[in-house]
């Protein structure tokens, strides 16, 4: 019997990550600690929900003032984030 393990290690910084399947069907590496958020149009943060939806909002410290919880993409926090970006072809 095969069991899915959502945890892994970042190949660049070696920190533990968690894989969440997005609504588009892609696997998104996220930091393992969850954050509370308030959904706000024009918010500066992108939060990946456990169901794979990505929402725009602001991270909150207090759950009473939050809409829910989610995770931050590891691409946003990895110290080697520039190594993940693909080079664009010049037209």
Protein backbone atom coordinates (compact mmCIF):
# COMPACT_ATOMS: atom_id res chain seq x y z
CA UNK A 1 0.00 0.00 0.00
CA UNK A 2 1.41 3.38 -1.06
CA UNK A 3 1.08 6.35 1.30
CA UNK A 4 1.57 9.89 0.10
CA UNK A 5 4.10 11.88 2.12
CA UNK A 6 3.56 15.64 1.62
CA UNK A 7 6.91 16.54 3.22
CA UNK A 8 10.29 16.91 1.59
CA UNK A 9 13.54 18.85 1.73
CA UNK A 10 14.41 21.89 -0.41
CA UNK A 11 17.25 20.91 -2.74
CA UNK A 12 18.86 24.35 -2.36
CA UNK A 13 18.57 25.47 1.29
CA UNK A 14 17.93 21.99 2.81
CA UNK A 15 14.95 23.18 4.92
CA UNK A 16 11.88 21.00 5.32
CA UNK A 17 9.03 21.85 2.93
CA UNK A 18 5.49 20.63 2.41
CA UNK A 19 4.03 19.93 -1.02
CA UNK A 20 0.49 21.20 -1.71
CA UNK A 21 -1.28 20.43 -4.98
CA UNK A 22 -2.69 23.66 -6.41
CA UNK A 23 -6.07 24.01 -8.12
CA UNK A 24 -4.11 23.99 -11.41
CA UNK A 25 -2.81 20.52 -10.53
CA UNK A 26 0.79 21.56 -9.89
CA UNK A 27 2.77 20.75 -6.75
CA UNK A 28 3.70 23.90 -4.80
CA UNK A 29 6.52 23.73 -2.24
CA UNK A 30 5.44 25.56 0.93
CA UNK A 31 7.01 26.32 4.29
CA UNK A 32 5.74 23.87 6.90
CA UNK A 33 4.57 26.42 9.47
CA UNK A 34 1.06 27.72 8.86
CA UNK A 35 0.04 31.37 9.06
CA UNK A 36 -3.26 33.09 9.75
CA UNK A 37 -4.45 35.45 7.06
CA UNK A 38 -7.11 38.05 6.28
CA UNK A 39 -8.22 37.94 2.65
CA UNK A 40 -7.85 41.44 1.17
CA UNK A 41 -7.84 42.62 -2.42
CA UNK A 42 -4.50 44.31 -2.94
CA UNK A 43 -2.90 42.52 0.01
CA UNK A 44 0.84 42.02 -0.14
CA UNK A 45 0.89 38.32 0.77
CA UNK A 46 0.00 35.19 -1.21
CA UNK A 47 -1.26 32.35 0.95
CA UNK A 48 -1.62 28.76 -0.24
CA UNK A 49 -4.61 27.09 1.39
CA UNK A 50 -4.60 23.38 2.27
CA UNK A 51 -7.08 22.75 -0.59
CA UNK A 52 -4.64 24.27 -3.12
CA UNK A 53 -6.34 27.62 -3.62
CA UNK A 54 -4.02 30.65 -3.54
CA UNK A 55 -5.50 33.77 -1.93
CA UNK A 56 -4.29 37.36 -1.70
CA UNK A 57 -4.31 38.97 1.68
CA UNK A 58 -2.34 39.99 4.73
CA UNK A 59 -0.77 37.68 7.30
CA UNK A 60 -2.22 38.10 10.79
CA UNK A 61 -0.81 37.12 14.18
CA UNK A 62 -4.18 36.71 15.84
CA UNK A 63 -6.64 33.99 14.70
CA UNK A 64 -9.61 36.04 15.93
CA UNK A 65 -8.89 38.66 13.24
CA UNK A 66 -8.22 36.15 10.48
CA UNK A 67 -10.29 34.49 7.76
CA UNK A 68 -8.38 31.23 8.07
CA UNK A 69 -4.94 29.67 7.83
CA UNK A 70 -2.65 28.63 5.05
CA UNK A 71 0.97 28.35 4.05
CA UNK A 72 3.60 30.56 2.42
CA UNK A 73 5.20 29.37 -0.80
CA UNK A 74 8.78 28.30 -0.19
CA UNK A 75 9.73 30.20 -3.36
CA UNK A 76 8.98 33.41 -1.42
CA UNK A 77 11.16 32.56 1.59
CA UNK A 78 14.06 30.42 0.32
CA UNK A 79 17.42 32.14 0.54
CA UNK A 80 18.21 30.70 -2.91
CA UNK A 81 14.95 31.89 -4.52
CA UNK A 82 16.71 33.44 -7.52
CA UNK A 83 17.99 30.00 -8.52
CA UNK A 84 14.39 28.81 -9.00
CA UNK A 85 13.46 31.49 -11.51
CA UNK A 86 13.60 30.44 -15.13
CA UNK A 87 15.44 32.73 -17.49
CA UNK A 88 13.14 34.37 -20.00
CA UNK A 89 13.91 34.07 -23.67
CA UNK A 90 14.50 37.36 -25.38
CA UNK A 91 12.08 37.96 -28.25
